Amino acid sequence: MLIEIRVPALGHDATEAILVIWHRQPGDTVAPGDPLADVMTDKVNVEVESPAAGTLVELRAAPDDRVAVGAVIATLEAAS
């Protein structure tokens, strides 16, 4: 099953963030809670964590990209 990794809510004013860095790359296996990426706004930096165990399949944003809150930034193939 594919799981979409989304930019989390970053406060009531934030509508977008900047993707700072990816900590994992496609093909990497991850466990729940593993850091996948860092995103930032002018007020907060947030680590995006893996919601499940599996293999990272695709990155849909690059460092320095502006991404909307709630936007899909990666996909994860859940472990069976």
PDB file of N, CA and C in Angstrom:
ATOM      1  N   MET A   1       0.837  -1.171   0.000  1.00  0.00           N
ATOM      2  CA  MET A   1       0.000   0.000   0.000  1.00  0.00           C
ATOM      3  C   MET A   1       0.890   1.245   0.000  1.00  0.00           C
ATOM      4  N   LEU A   2       0.569   2.198  -0.872  1.00  0.00           N
ATOM      5  CA  LEU A   2       1.306   3.462  -0.912  1.00  0.00           C
ATOM      6  C   LEU A   2       0.724   4.442   0.096  1.00  0.00           C
ATOM      7  N   ILE A   3       1.613   5.097   0.824  1.00  0.00           N
ATOM      8  CA  ILE A   3       1.233   6.113   1.799  1.00  0.00           C
ATOM      9  C   ILE A   3       1.795   7.441   1.316  1.00  0.00           C
ATOM     10  N   GLU A   4       0.952   8.462   1.294  1.00  0.00           N
ATOM     11  CA  GLU A   4       1.401   9.802   0.903  1.00  0.00           C
ATOM     12  C   GLU A   4       1.945  10.538   2.123  1.00  0.00           C
ATOM     13  N   ILE A   5       3.133  11.095   1.969  1.00  0.00           N
ATOM     14  CA  ILE A   5       3.751  11.901   3.022  1.00  0.00           C
ATOM     15  C   ILE A   5       3.430  13.352   2.700  1.00  0.00           C
ATOM     16  N   ARG A   6       2.789  14.037   3.629  1.00  0.00           N
ATOM     17  CA  ARG A   6       2.324  15.409   3.401  1.00  0.00           C
ATOM     18  C   ARG A   6       3.018  16.394   4.328  1.00  0.00           C
ATOM     19  N   VAL A   7       3.053  17.661   3.892  1.00  0.00           N
ATOM     20  CA  VAL A   7       3.547  18.737   4.739  1.00  0.00           C
ATOM     21  C   VAL A   7       2.556  18.900   5.891  1.00  0.00           C
ATOM     22  N   PRO A   8       3.030  18.800   7.129  1.00  0.00           N
ATOM     23  CA  PRO A   8       2.104  18.901   8.261  1.00  0.00           C
ATOM     24  C   PRO A   8       1.615  20.333   8.484  1.00  0.00           C
ATOM     25  N   ALA A   9       0.542  20.461   9.229  1.00  0.00           N
ATOM     26  CA  ALA A   9       0.066  21.788   9.642  1.00  0.00           C
ATOM     27  C   ALA A   9       1.160  22.434  10.482  1.00  0.00           C
ATOM     28  N   LEU A  10       1.436  23.698  10.196  1.00  0.00           N
ATOM     29  CA  LEU A  10       2.566  24.372  10.832  1.00  0.00           C
ATOM     30  C   LEU A  10       2.144  25.597  11.626  1.00  0.00           C
ATOM     31  N   GLY A  11       0.922  25.630  12.066  1.00  0.00           N
ATOM     32  CA  GLY A  11       0.404  26.783  12.796  1.00  0.00           C
ATOM     33  C   GLY A  11      -0.762  27.388  12.044  1.00  0.00           C
ATOM     34  N   HIS A  12      -1.541  28.192  12.717  1.00  0.00           N
ATOM     35  CA  HIS A  12      -2.774  28.700  12.113  1.00  0.00           C
ATOM     36  C   HIS A  12      -2.526  29.696  10.980  1.00  0.00           C
ATOM     37  N   ASP A  13      -1.369  30.341  10.935  1.00  0.00           N
ATOM     38  CA  ASP A  13      -1.088  31.316   9.876  1.00  0.00           C
ATOM     39  C   ASP A  13      -0.360  30.723   8.675  1.00  0.00           C
ATOM     40  N   ALA A  14       0.337  29.628   8.880  1.00  0.00           N
ATOM     41  CA  ALA A  14       1.204  29.078   7.831  1.00  0.00           C
ATOM     42  C   ALA A  14       0.393  28.381   6.739  1.00  0.00           C
ATOM     43  N   THR A  15       0.628  28.777   5.501  1.00  0.00           N
ATOM     44  CA  THR A  15      -0.020  28.127   4.366  1.00  0.00           C
ATOM     45  C   THR A  15       0.995  27.403   3.492  1.00  0.00           C
ATOM     46  N   GLU A  16       2.279  27.695   3.698  1.00  0.00           N
ATOM     47  CA  GLU A  16       3.319  27.020   2.933  1.00  0.00           C
ATOM     48  C   GLU A  16       4.600  26.984   3.750  1.00  0.00           C
ATOM     49  N   ALA A  17       5.518  26.153   3.283  1.00  0.00           N
ATOM     50  CA  ALA A  17       6.811  26.004   3.937  1.00  0.00           C
ATOM     51  C   ALA A  17       7.868  25.822   2.856  1.00  0.00           C
ATOM     52  N   ILE A  18       9.110  25.852   3.265  1.00  0.00           N
ATOM     53  CA  ILE A  18      10.230  25.573   2.363  1.00  0.00           C
ATOM     54  C   ILE A  18      10.829  24.246   2.784  1.00  0.00           C
ATOM     55  N   LEU A  19      10.986  23.340   1.829  1.00  0.00           N
ATOM     56  CA  LEU A  19      11.641  22.069   2.111  1.00  0.00           C
ATOM     57  C   LEU A  19      13.134  22.362   2.260  1.00  0.00           C
ATOM     58  N   VAL A  20      13.703  22.029   3.401  1.00  0.00           N
ATOM     59  CA  VAL A  20      15.096  22.346   3.685  1.00  0.00           C
ATOM     60  C   VAL A  20      16.020  21.225   3.232  1.00  0.00           C
ATOM     61  N   ILE A  21      15.734  19.992   3.675  1.00  0.00           N
ATOM     62  CA  ILE A  21      16.622  18.865   3.382  1.00  0.00           C
ATOM     63  C   ILE A  21      15.847  17.555   3.468  1.00  0.00           C
ATOM     64  N   TRP A  22      16.248  16.618   2.651  1.00  0.00           N
ATOM     65  CA  TRP A  22      15.763  15.246   2.759  1.00  0.00           C
ATOM     66  C   TRP A  22      16.779  14.464   3.571  1.00  0.00           C
ATOM     67  N   HIS A  23      16.306  13.676   4.558  1.00  0.00           N
ATOM     68  CA  HIS A  23      17.187  12.812   5.351  1.00  0.00           C
ATOM     69  C   HIS A  23      17.238  11.404   4.768  1.00  0.00           C
ATOM     70  N   ARG A  24      16.307  11.082   3.918  1.00  0.00           N
ATOM     71  CA  ARG A  24      16.237   9.759   3.278  1.00  0.00           C
ATOM     72  C   ARG A  24      16.054   9.952   1.777  1.00  0.00           C
ATOM     73  N   GLN A  25      16.371   8.911   1.019  1.00  0.00           N
ATOM     74  CA  GLN A  25      16.257   8.941  -0.441  1.00  0.00           C
ATOM     75  C   GLN A  25      15.421   7.757  -0.911  1.00  0.00           C
ATOM     76  N   PRO A  26      14.868   7.819  -2.135  1.00  0.00           N
ATOM     77  CA  PRO A  26      14.106   6.679  -2.649  1.00  0.00           C
ATOM     78  C   PRO A  26      14.919   5.390  -2.552  1.00  0.00           C
ATOM     79  N   GLY A  27      14.243   4.332  -2.123  1.00  0.00           N
ATOM     80  CA  GLY A  27      14.884   3.039  -1.931  1.00  0.00           C
ATOM     81  C   GLY A  27      15.291   2.785  -0.493  1.00  0.00           C
ATOM     82  N   ASP A  28      15.368   3.836   0.333  1.00  0.00           N
ATOM     83  CA  ASP A  28      15.717   3.673   1.742  1.00  0.00           C
ATOM     84  C   ASP A  28      14.543   3.056   2.493  1.00  0.00           C
ATOM     85  N   THR A  29      14.840   2.144   3.421  1.00  0.00           N
ATOM     86  CA  THR A  29      13.808   1.608   4.298  1.00  0.00           C
ATOM     87  C   THR A  29      13.740   2.480   5.547  1.00  0.00           C
ATOM     88  N   VAL A  30      12.537   2.649   6.050  1.00  0.00           N
ATOM     89  CA  VAL A  30      12.323   3.506   7.207  1.00  0.00           C
ATOM     90  C   VAL A  30      11.403   2.821   8.211  1.00  0.00           C
ATOM     91  N   ALA A  31      11.494   3.272   9.445  1.00  0.00           N
ATOM     92  CA  ALA A  31      10.632   2.798  10.519  1.00  0.00           C
ATOM     93  C   ALA A  31       9.733   3.961  10.940  1.00  0.00           C
ATOM     94  N   PRO A  32       8.634   3.664  11.620  1.00  0.00           N
ATOM     95  CA  PRO A  32       7.781   4.755  12.099  1.00  0.00           C
ATOM     96  C   PRO A  32       8.584   5.735  12.960  1.00  0.00           C
ATOM     97  N   GLY A  33       8.418   7.021  12.698  1.00  0.00           N
ATOM     98  CA  GLY A  33       9.113   8.048  13.458  1.00  0.00           C
ATOM     99  C   GLY A  33      10.463   8.447  12.912  1.00  0.00           C
ATOM    100  N   ASP A  34      10.982   7.706  11.927  1.00  0.00           N
ATOM    101  CA  ASP A  34      12.266   8.099  11.330  1.00  0.00           C
ATOM    102  C   ASP A  34      12.118   9.453  10.651  1.00  0.00           C
ATOM    103  N   PRO A  35      13.108  10.333  10.790  1.00  0.00           N
ATOM    104  CA  PRO A  35      13.036  11.626  10.108  1.00  0.00           C
ATOM    105  C   PRO A  35      13.183  11.444   8.600  1.00  0.00           C
ATOM    106  N   LEU A  36      12.270  12.047   7.848  1.00  0.00           N
ATOM    107  CA  LEU A  36      12.335  11.990   6.389  1.00  0.00           C
ATOM    108  C   LEU A  36      12.863  13.295   5.809  1.00  0.00           C
ATOM    109  N   ALA A  37      12.385  14.425   6.338  1.00  0.00           N
ATOM    110  CA  ALA A  37      12.752  15.730   5.785  1.00  0.00           C
ATOM    111  C   ALA A  37      12.582  16.799   6.848  1.00  0.00           C
ATOM    112  N   ASP A  38      13.177  17.957   6.600  1.00  0.00           N
ATOM    113  CA  ASP A  38      12.951  19.147   7.417  1.00  0.00           C
ATOM    114  C   ASP A  38      12.275  20.185   6.539  1.00  0.00           C
ATOM    115  N   VAL A  39      11.247  20.837   7.080  1.00  0.00           N
ATOM    116  CA  VAL A  39      10.593  21.959   6.410  1.00  0.00           C
ATOM    117  C   VAL A  39      10.611  23.142   7.366  1.00  0.00           C
ATOM    118  N   MET A  40      10.560  24.366   6.816  1.00  0.00           N
ATOM    119  CA  MET A  40      10.571  25.537   7.683  1.00  0.00           C
ATOM    120  C   MET A  40       9.656  26.623   7.147  1.00  0.00           C
ATOM    121  N   THR A  41       9.167  27.425   8.095  1.00  0.00           N
ATOM    122  CA  THR A  41       8.461  28.662   7.779  1.00  0.00           C
ATOM    123  C   THR A  41       9.291  29.778   8.406  1.00  0.00           C
ATOM    124  N   ASP A  42       8.794  30.990   8.342  1.00  0.00           N
ATOM    125  CA  ASP A  42       9.531  32.080   8.967  1.00  0.00           C
ATOM    126  C   ASP A  42       9.484  31.999  10.489  1.00  0.00           C
ATOM    127  N   LYS A  43       8.605  31.133  11.040  1.00  0.00           N
ATOM    128  CA  LYS A  43       8.455  31.042  12.494  1.00  0.00           C
ATOM    129  C   LYS A  43       8.880  29.712  13.095  1.00  0.00           C
ATOM    130  N   VAL A  44       8.915  28.653  12.298  1.00  0.00           N
ATOM    131  CA  VAL A  44       9.146  27.325  12.882  1.00  0.00           C
ATOM    132  C   VAL A  44       9.856  26.406  11.887  1.00  0.00           C
ATOM    133  N   ASN A  45      10.699  25.525  12.427  1.00  0.00           N
ATOM    134  CA  ASN A  45      11.295  24.434  11.658  1.00  0.00           C
ATOM    135  C   ASN A  45      10.663  23.142  12.163  1.00  0.00           C
ATOM    136  N   VAL A  46      10.279  22.259  11.241  1.00  0.00           N
ATOM    137  CA  VAL A  46       9.591  21.024  11.607  1.00  0.00           C
ATOM    138  C   VAL A  46      10.243  19.853  10.895  1.00  0.00           C
ATOM    139  N   GLU A  47      10.408  18.757  11.642  1.00  0.00           N
ATOM    140  CA  GLU A  47      10.904  17.517  11.062  1.00  0.00           C
ATOM    141  C   GLU A  47       9.692  16.688  10.632  1.00  0.00           C
ATOM    142  N   VAL A  48       9.681  16.257   9.382  1.00  0.00           N
ATOM    143  CA  VAL A  48       8.611  15.393   8.881  1.00  0.00           C
ATOM    144  C   VAL A  48       9.058  13.954   9.114  1.00  0.00           C
ATOM    145  N   GLU A  49       8.256  13.198   9.856  1.00  0.00           N
ATOM    146  CA  GLU A  49       8.608  11.831  10.214  1.00  0.00           C
ATOM    147  C   GLU A  49       7.815  10.807   9.405  1.00  0.00           C
ATOM    148  N   SER A  50       8.389   9.624   9.298  1.00  0.00           N
ATOM    149  CA  SER A  50       7.688   8.534   8.629  1.00  0.00           C
ATOM    150  C   SER A  50       6.519   8.074   9.491  1.00  0.00           C
ATOM    151  N   PRO A  51       5.333   7.934   8.888  1.00  0.00           N
ATOM    152  CA  PRO A  51       4.175   7.471   9.659  1.00  0.00           C
ATOM    153  C   PRO A  51       4.121   5.948   9.809  1.00  0.00           C
ATOM    154  N   ALA A  52       4.965   5.233   9.028  1.00  0.00           N
ATOM    155  CA  ALA A  52       4.890   3.776   9.024  1.00  0.00           C
ATOM    156  C   ALA A  52       6.231   3.191   8.582  1.00  0.00           C
ATOM    157  N   ALA A  53       6.375   1.888   8.774  1.00  0.00           N
ATOM    158  CA  ALA A  53       7.546   1.175   8.272  1.00  0.00           C
ATOM    159  C   ALA A  53       7.359   0.910   6.783  1.00  0.00           C
ATOM    160  N   GLY A  54       8.441   0.983   6.035  1.00  0.00           N
ATOM    161  CA  GLY A  54       8.351   0.694   4.610  1.00  0.00           C
ATOM    162  C   GLY A  54       9.556   1.203   3.852  1.00  0.00           C
ATOM    163  N   THR A  55       9.358   1.381   2.553  1.00  0.00           N
ATOM    164  CA  THR A  55      10.418   1.846   1.662  1.00  0.00           C
ATOM    165  C   THR A  55       9.981   3.141   1.013  1.00  0.00           C
ATOM    166  N   LEU A  56      10.844   4.140   1.074  1.00  0.00           N
ATOM    167  CA  LEU A  56      10.557   5.412   0.430  1.00  0.00           C
ATOM    168  C   LEU A  56      10.603   5.206  -1.082  1.00  0.00           C
ATOM    169  N   VAL A  57       9.538   5.593  -1.764  1.00  0.00           N
ATOM    170  CA  VAL A  57       9.411   5.331  -3.196  1.00  0.00           C
ATOM    171  C   VAL A  57       9.765   6.553  -4.036  1.00  0.00           C
ATOM    172  N   GLU A  58       9.215   7.709  -3.681  1.00  0.00           N
ATOM    173  CA  GLU A  58       9.345   8.890  -4.547  1.00  0.00           C
ATOM    174  C   GLU A  58       9.403  10.157  -3.711  1.00  0.00           C
ATOM    175  N   LEU A  59      10.260  11.091  -4.126  1.00  0.00           N
ATOM    176  CA  LEU A  59      10.297  12.435  -3.557  1.00  0.00           C
ATOM    177  C   LEU A  59       9.641  13.361  -4.564  1.00  0.00           C
ATOM    178  N   ARG A  60       8.681  14.169  -4.134  1.00  0.00           N
ATOM    179  CA  ARG A  60       7.957  15.056  -5.044  1.00  0.00           C
ATOM    180  C   ARG A  60       8.334  16.519  -4.877  1.00  0.00           C
ATOM    181  N   ALA A  61       9.291  16.811  -4.018  1.00  0.00           N
ATOM    182  CA  ALA A  61       9.768  18.176  -3.826  1.00  0.00           C
ATOM    183  C   ALA A  61      11.279  18.118  -3.611  1.00  0.00           C
ATOM    184  N   ALA A  62      11.933  19.199  -3.945  1.00  0.00           N
ATOM    185  CA  ALA A  62      13.388  19.296  -3.811  1.00  0.00           C
ATOM    186  C   ALA A  62      13.731  20.349  -2.761  1.00  0.00           C
ATOM    187  N   PRO A  63      14.926  20.268  -2.191  1.00  0.00           N
ATOM    188  CA  PRO A  63      15.338  21.320  -1.263  1.00  0.00           C
ATOM    189  C   PRO A  63      15.179  22.703  -1.902  1.00  0.00           C
ATOM    190  N   ASP A  64      14.727  23.643  -1.087  1.00  0.00           N
ATOM    191  CA  ASP A  64      14.444  25.034  -1.454  1.00  0.00           C
ATOM    192  C   ASP A  64      13.106  25.217  -2.157  1.00  0.00           C
ATOM    193  N   ASP A  65      12.370  24.132  -2.440  1.00  0.00           N
ATOM    194  CA  ASP A  65      11.024  24.267  -3.014  1.00  0.00           C
ATOM    195  C   ASP A  65      10.062  24.812  -1.968  1.00  0.00           C
ATOM    196  N   ARG A  66       9.152  25.689  -2.394  1.00  0.00           N
ATOM    197  CA  ARG A  66       8.039  26.128  -1.547  1.00  0.00           C
ATOM    198  C   ARG A  66       6.923  25.103  -1.729  1.00  0.00           C
ATOM    199  N   VAL A  67       6.416  24.590  -0.616  1.00  0.00           N
ATOM    200  CA  VAL A  67       5.380  23.563  -0.656  1.00  0.00           C
ATOM    201  C   VAL A  67       4.211  23.981   0.231  1.00  0.00           C
ATOM    202  N   ALA A  68       3.015  23.752  -0.245  1.00  0.00           N
ATOM    203  CA  ALA A  68       1.815  24.113   0.504  1.00  0.00           C
ATOM    204  C   ALA A  68       1.610  23.152   1.669  1.00  0.00           C
ATOM    205  N   VAL A  69       1.082  23.669   2.762  1.00  0.00           N
ATOM    206  CA  VAL A  69       0.692  22.814   3.876  1.00  0.00           C
ATOM    207  C   VAL A  69      -0.330  21.812   3.355  1.00  0.00           C
ATOM    208  N   GLY A  70      -0.114  20.537   3.662  1.00  0.00           N
ATOM    209  CA  GLY A  70      -1.005  19.477   3.185  1.00  0.00           C
ATOM    210  C   GLY A  70      -0.599  18.861   1.854  1.00  0.00           C
ATOM    211  N   ALA A  71       0.380  19.477   1.165  1.00  0.00           N
ATOM    212  CA  ALA A  71       0.820  18.939  -0.130  1.00  0.00           C
ATOM    213  C   ALA A  71       1.591  17.648   0.054  1.00  0.00           C
ATOM    214  N   VAL A  72       1.441  16.738  -0.908  1.00  0.00           N
ATOM    215  CA  VAL A  72       2.190  15.483  -0.897  1.00  0.00           C
ATOM    216  C   VAL A  72       3.623  15.791  -1.321  1.00  0.00           C
ATOM    217  N   ILE A  73       4.588  15.402  -0.475  1.00  0.00           N
ATOM    218  CA  ILE A  73       5.993  15.644  -0.804  1.00  0.00           C
ATOM    219  C   ILE A  73       6.766  14.356  -1.059  1.00  0.00           C
ATOM    220  N   ALA A  74       6.152  13.204  -0.726  1.00  0.00           N
ATOM    221  CA  ALA A  74       6.816  11.915  -0.957  1.00  0.00           C
ATOM    222  C   ALA A  74       5.788  10.799  -0.866  1.00  0.00           C
ATOM    223  N   THR A  75       6.201   9.619  -1.346  1.00  0.00           N
ATOM    224  CA  THR A  75       5.365   8.432  -1.181  1.00  0.00           C
ATOM    225  C   THR A  75       6.205   7.318  -0.562  1.00  0.00           C
ATOM    226  N   LEU A  76       5.522   6.495   0.224  1.00  0.00           N
ATOM    227  CA  LEU A  76       6.147   5.418   0.964  1.00  0.00           C
ATOM    228  C   LEU A  76       5.370   4.136   0.684  1.00  0.00           C
ATOM    229  N   GLU A  77       6.072   3.071   0.341  1.00  0.00           N
ATOM    230  CA  GLU A  77       5.440   1.756   0.191  1.00  0.00           C
ATOM    231  C   GLU A  77       5.490   1.085   1.559  1.00  0.00           C
ATOM    232  N   ALA A  78       4.321   0.888   2.159  1.00  0.00           N
ATOM    233  CA  ALA A  78       4.252   0.318   3.510  1.00  0.00           C
ATOM    234  C   ALA A  78       4.750  -1.120   3.498  1.00  0.00           C
ATOM    235  N   ALA A  79       5.433  -1.487   4.561  1.00  0.00           N
ATOM    236  CA  ALA A  79       5.902  -2.879   4.713  1.00  0.00           C
ATOM    237  C   ALA A  79       4.701  -3.794   4.894  1.00  0.00           C
ATOM    238  N   SER A  80       4.813  -5.014   4.345  1.00  0.00           N
ATOM    239  CA  SER A  80       3.672  -5.931   4.468  1.00  0.00           C
ATOM    240  C   SER A  80       3.725  -6.713   5.737  1.00  0.00           C
TER     241      SER A  80
END
